[in-house]
Protein backbone atom coordinates (compact mmCIF):
# COMPACT_ATOMS: atom_id res chain seq x y z
CA MET A 1 0.00 0.00 0.00
CA THR A 2 1.92 3.01 -1.28
CA PHE A 3 0.95 6.61 -1.99
CA SER A 4 -0.24 7.31 -5.51
CA HIS A 5 1.69 10.05 -7.31
CA ASP A 6 -1.14 12.52 -6.61
CA GLU A 7 -1.25 11.56 -2.92
CA ALA A 8 2.51 12.04 -2.63
CA ARG A 9 2.30 15.44 -4.32
CA ARG A 10 -0.49 16.62 -2.05
CA PHE A 11 1.20 15.35 1.11
CA TYR A 12 4.56 16.99 0.41
CA ASP A 13 2.95 20.19 -0.79
CA ARG A 14 1.46 20.41 2.72
CA PHE A 15 4.54 19.12 4.53
CA GLY A 16 6.81 21.75 2.98
CA ALA A 17 9.86 22.91 4.93
CA LYS A 18 9.01 20.52 7.79
CA GLN A 19 10.73 17.84 5.70
CA ASP A 20 14.06 19.07 7.04
CA TRP A 21 12.97 17.94 10.53
CA GLN A 22 13.60 14.39 9.34
CA LYS A 23 17.34 15.00 9.71
CA TRP A 24 17.02 13.45 13.20
CA TYR A 25 17.16 10.02 11.56
CA GLU A 26 18.61 10.87 8.11
CA ASP A 27 21.82 12.82 8.63
CA ARG A 28 24.20 10.01 9.61
CA ALA A 29 23.18 7.93 6.61
CA ILE A 30 23.45 10.88 4.24
CA ALA A 31 26.92 11.67 5.60
CA ASP A 32 27.94 8.06 4.92
CA LEU A 33 26.56 8.30 1.38
CA ILE A 34 28.47 11.51 0.69
CA ALA A 35 31.68 10.00 2.05
CA ASN A 36 31.43 7.02 -0.32
CA ALA A 37 30.03 8.39 -3.59
CA SER A 38 33.08 10.44 -4.73
CA PHE A 39 31.09 13.58 -5.50
CA GLU A 40 34.35 15.51 -5.84
CA LYS A 41 34.84 13.69 -9.18
CA ALA A 42 31.34 14.37 -10.55
CA ALA A 43 30.70 16.92 -13.29
CA SER A 44 26.94 16.34 -13.45
CA VAL A 45 24.49 15.20 -10.76
CA LEU A 46 20.81 14.34 -10.98
CA GLU A 47 18.86 14.19 -7.72
CA PHE A 48 15.48 12.46 -7.79
CA GLY A 49 13.33 13.88 -4.99
CA CYS A 50 15.31 16.96 -3.97
CA GLY A 51 12.90 18.14 -1.26
CA THR A 52 13.85 21.54 0.10
CA GLY A 53 17.28 21.46 -1.57
CA ARG A 54 19.16 20.94 1.69
CA LEU A 55 21.31 18.07 0.39
CA ALA A 56 21.92 19.79 -2.95
CA GLU A 57 23.18 22.87 -1.11
CA THR A 58 25.56 20.78 1.00
CA LEU A 59 26.99 19.03 -2.06
CA LEU A 60 27.38 22.22 -4.10
CA VAL A 61 29.09 24.11 -1.27
CA GLN A 62 31.31 21.40 0.21
CA HIS A 63 31.82 18.48 -2.16
CA LEU A 64 31.22 19.06 -5.88
CA PRO A 65 33.73 20.72 -8.23
CA PRO A 66 32.94 24.42 -8.80
CA THR A 67 31.95 23.70 -12.40
CA ALA A 68 29.64 20.76 -11.66
CA ARG A 69 26.04 21.03 -12.81
CA TYR A 70 23.07 19.85 -10.75
CA LEU A 71 19.58 18.82 -11.88
CA ALA A 72 17.12 18.59 -8.97
CA LEU A 73 13.73 16.96 -9.50
CA ASP A 74 10.68 16.79 -7.24
CA ILE A 75 6.98 16.02 -7.60
CA SER A 76 5.90 18.70 -5.11
CA THR A 77 5.31 22.29 -6.19
CA THR A 78 6.09 23.43 -2.64
CA MET A 79 9.40 21.56 -2.56
CA VAL A 80 10.42 22.89 -5.97
CA SER A 81 9.72 26.45 -4.81
CA LEU A 82 11.71 25.97 -1.59
CA ALA A 83 14.63 24.34 -3.44
CA ARG A 84 14.75 27.08 -6.08
CA LYS A 85 14.96 29.76 -3.40
CA ARG A 86 17.64 27.85 -1.52
CA LEU A 87 19.77 27.14 -4.59
CA MET A 88 19.30 30.34 -6.59
CA ARG A 89 22.73 31.63 -5.55
CA PHE A 90 24.33 28.92 -7.69
CA GLY A 91 22.89 30.44 -10.86
CA ASP A 92 22.70 28.37 -14.00
CA ARG A 93 24.74 25.55 -12.45
CA VAL A 94 21.47 24.34 -10.91
CA ASP A 95 18.19 23.44 -12.60
CA VAL A 96 15.24 22.64 -10.31
CA ARG A 97 12.23 21.07 -12.04
CA ARG A 98 8.85 19.72 -10.98
CA THR A 99 8.04 16.28 -12.35
CA SER A 100 4.69 14.64 -13.05
CA GLY A 101 5.61 11.62 -10.92
CA GLU A 102 6.67 9.46 -13.82
CA MET A 103 9.90 7.53 -13.44
CA GLN A 104 11.32 8.67 -16.78
CA LEU A 105 14.28 10.97 -16.14
CA PRO A 106 14.35 14.08 -18.38
CA VAL A 107 17.94 13.77 -19.61
CA GLU A 108 19.73 12.04 -22.45
CA SER A 109 21.34 8.63 -22.02
CA GLY A 110 24.85 8.53 -20.58
CA THR A 111 24.96 12.17 -19.51
CA CYS A 112 25.09 11.99 -15.68
CA ASP A 113 28.00 11.12 -13.42
CA ARG A 114 25.83 10.61 -10.33
CA VAL A 115 22.17 9.79 -9.85
CA LEU A 116 21.17 10.47 -6.27
CA SER A 117 18.01 9.74 -4.30
CA CYS A 118 17.63 10.00 -0.54
CA TYR A 119 14.56 8.75 1.32
CA VAL A 120 12.44 8.60 -1.83
CA LEU A 121 12.55 4.96 -2.95
CA ASP A 122 10.88 3.96 0.33
CA LEU A 123 7.89 6.05 -0.78
CA LEU A 124 7.57 4.38 -4.21
CA SER A 125 5.83 1.19 -5.31
CA ASP A 126 8.02 -1.80 -6.20
CA ASN A 127 7.33 -1.25 -9.91
CA ASP A 128 8.29 2.43 -9.70
CA ILE A 129 11.50 1.57 -7.85
CA ARG A 130 12.47 -0.83 -10.63
CA ARG A 131 11.61 1.72 -13.32
CA LEU A 132 13.64 4.41 -11.60
CA ILE A 133 16.70 2.17 -11.23
CA HIS A 134 16.38 1.19 -14.90
CA GLU A 135 16.26 4.88 -15.83
CA ALA A 136 19.26 5.63 -13.60
CA HIS A 137 21.22 2.97 -15.49
CA ARG A 138 20.21 4.58 -18.78
CA VAL A 139 21.24 8.14 -17.92
CA LEU A 140 24.48 7.36 -16.09
CA SER A 141 27.76 7.67 -17.94
CA SER A 142 30.23 4.79 -18.09
CA GLY A 143 31.67 4.55 -14.59
CA GLY A 144 28.85 6.69 -13.18
CA HIS A 145 27.36 5.91 -9.77
CA LEU A 146 23.90 5.50 -8.32
CA ALA A 147 23.75 6.70 -4.69
CA ILE A 148 20.72 5.86 -2.55
CA SER A 149 19.73 6.14 1.08
CA SER A 150 16.45 4.70 2.35
CA LEU A 151 14.61 3.38 5.34
CA THR A 152 15.37 -0.31 5.75
CA HIS A 153 14.79 -3.27 8.05
CA GLY A 154 16.31 -3.21 11.52
CA THR A 155 18.63 -5.95 12.76
CA ALA A 156 19.27 -5.16 16.45
CA TRP A 157 16.32 -5.56 18.80
CA ILE A 158 15.56 -1.86 19.40
CA PRO A 159 15.59 -0.97 15.68
CA ARG A 160 13.42 -4.04 15.00
CA LEU A 161 10.86 -2.87 17.55
CA ILE A 162 10.86 0.63 16.04
CA GLU A 163 10.49 -0.87 12.57
CA ARG A 164 7.50 -2.96 13.66
CA ALA A 165 5.83 0.10 15.14
CA TRP A 166 6.59 2.10 11.97
CA VAL A 167 5.13 -0.62 9.72
CA LEU A 168 2.03 -0.87 11.92
CA VAL A 169 1.43 2.86 11.57
CA TYR A 170 2.18 2.71 7.83
CA SER A 171 -0.31 -0.13 7.34
CA ASN A 172 -3.12 1.86 8.92
CA ARG A 173 -2.22 5.53 8.45
CA PRO A 174 0.57 5.84 5.82
CA GLY A 175 0.33 9.63 5.87
CA TRP A 176 1.52 9.67 9.48
CA VAL A 177 4.94 8.44 8.30
CA GLY A 178 5.00 10.37 5.03
CA GLY A 179 4.01 7.32 3.00
CA CYS A 180 7.42 5.74 3.62
CA ARG A 181 8.17 2.16 4.73
CA PRO A 182 11.33 0.05 5.21
CA ILE A 183 12.66 -1.56 2.03
CA ALA A 184 15.80 -3.48 0.99
CA VAL A 185 17.47 -1.32 -1.68
CA ARG A 186 20.17 -3.85 -2.55
CA SER A 187 17.56 -6.38 -3.65
CA TYR A 188 16.47 -4.10 -6.51
CA LEU A 189 19.95 -3.89 -8.08
CA ASP A 190 20.63 -6.53 -10.71
CA ASP A 191 24.23 -7.77 -10.57
CA SER A 192 24.34 -7.76 -14.37
CA GLY A 193 23.84 -4.01 -14.44
CA TRP A 194 25.40 -2.78 -11.21
CA LYS A 195 28.56 -3.25 -9.17
CA VAL A 196 27.93 -2.31 -5.56
CA SER A 197 30.96 -0.43 -4.24
CA HIS A 198 29.50 0.46 -0.84
CA ARG A 199 26.62 -0.69 1.33
CA ALA A 200 25.97 0.19 4.95
CA GLU A 201 23.20 0.01 7.52
CA ILE A 202 23.14 3.13 9.66
CA VAL A 203 21.10 3.42 12.86
CA GLN A 204 20.22 6.87 14.14
CA TRP A 205 17.87 7.22 17.12
CA GLY A 206 16.73 3.65 16.59
CA VAL A 207 15.73 4.10 12.92
CA THR A 208 17.70 1.98 10.43
CA SER A 209 18.73 3.34 7.03
CA GLU A 210 20.41 1.55 4.15
CA VAL A 211 23.04 3.32 2.07
CA VAL A 212 23.98 1.88 -1.30
CA VAL A 213 26.48 3.22 -3.84
CA ALA A 214 26.64 1.24 -7.08
CA GLU A 215 28.64 1.72 -10.27
CA ARG A 216 26.89 1.32 -13.59
CA ILE A 217 28.23 -1.67 -15.47
CA THR A 218 28.64 -0.91 -19.16
CA ASP A 219 26.42 -2.95 -21.45
């Protein structure tokens, strides 16, 4: 039971800047992703589900080369407006666009060095996750990397208890947890198309996140 595209748009239009409050369980995982995705070598980045632009700002200020270009996509009109305001100081290096919710990425094949998505796949249906990963493979350049962080299944007893409570809430009132549920990102990556260079499970305040960085294998 996942949000439809319209439900996700309406929820995050209302949620707005409060999305940044989720850093209480996201920041350690995102820091691990940044440390392992070699953004300093990327000339072009596509972020699927940019939210308020907080992560894009961090990458542009601290990690990406000064000439790197950044395409930020989001389904929410509110998030696109917040991200544009936040990132406007970077001028034409950054392009923030609202999407219709389709998984087709609006760039030519082989043109991105990094495709990035943080805490978005856990909102999508299984079919949409597979479509998005297929699209990421299409748009990445040879040697390009897919970088994902997501809610995942707990292993220690406290994270498992928190996961069970989260899933119970999600099953009855998915809007109370933003439509997100624990998933296993690694299981969606076909070994014939991806070489996983980094995977980690990060627990912050009892919530478990999975971080995966995978290199596109050339056809």
